[in-house]
Amino acid sequence: METIIMLSITALMFVYLLYALLRPENF
């Protein structure tokens, strides 16, 4: 697996977790 793909997936997961923490009522 390429590094760019891994970084992209990690970034998406981080943004999703951050959004969930900021808006728990919508989680």
C-alpha atoms as a PDB file:
ATOM      1  CA  MET A   1       0.000   0.000   0.000  1.00  0.00           C
ATOM      2  CA  GLU A   2       1.290   3.443  -0.852  1.00  0.00           C
ATOM      3  CA  THR A   3       2.111   6.008   1.799  1.00  0.00           C
ATOM      4  CA  ILE A   4      -0.111   8.680   0.242  1.00  0.00           C
ATOM      5  CA  ILE A   5      -3.147   6.406   0.481  1.00  0.00           C
ATOM      6  CA  MET A   6      -2.401   5.604   4.123  1.00  0.00           C
ATOM      7  CA  LEU A   7      -1.998   9.300   4.937  1.00  0.00           C
ATOM      8  CA  SER A   8      -5.279  10.111   3.198  1.00  0.00           C
ATOM      9  CA  ILE A   9      -7.169   7.452   5.152  1.00  0.00           C
ATOM     10  CA  THR A  10      -5.581   8.597   8.413  1.00  0.00           C
ATOM     11  CA  ALA A  11      -6.502  12.219   7.668  1.00  0.00           C
ATOM     12  CA  LEU A  12     -10.125  11.286   6.925  1.00  0.00           C
ATOM     13  CA  MET A  13     -10.385   9.253  10.128  1.00  0.00           C
ATOM     14  CA  PHE A  14      -8.866  12.093  12.164  1.00  0.00           C
ATOM     15  CA  VAL A  15     -11.270  14.665  10.701  1.00  0.00           C
ATOM     16  CA  TYR A  16     -14.244  12.340  11.316  1.00  0.00           C
ATOM     17  CA  LEU A  17     -13.232  11.757  14.938  1.00  0.00           C
ATOM     18  CA  LEU A  18     -12.647  15.476  15.502  1.00  0.00           C
ATOM     19  CA  TYR A  19     -16.068  16.304  14.013  1.00  0.00           C
ATOM     20  CA  ALA A  20     -17.710  13.647  16.190  1.00  0.00           C
ATOM     21  CA  LEU A  21     -16.046  15.063  19.315  1.00  0.00           C
ATOM     22  CA  LEU A  22     -17.113  18.611  18.452  1.00  0.00           C
ATOM     23  CA  ARG A  23     -20.695  17.561  17.656  1.00  0.00           C
ATOM     24  CA  PRO A  24     -21.592  14.566  19.893  1.00  0.00           C
ATOM     25  CA  GLU A  25     -25.315  15.227  19.467  1.00  0.00           C
ATOM     26  CA  ASN A  26     -25.020  14.438  15.746  1.00  0.00           C
ATOM     27  CA  PHE A  27     -22.866  11.380  16.259  1.00  0.00           C
END
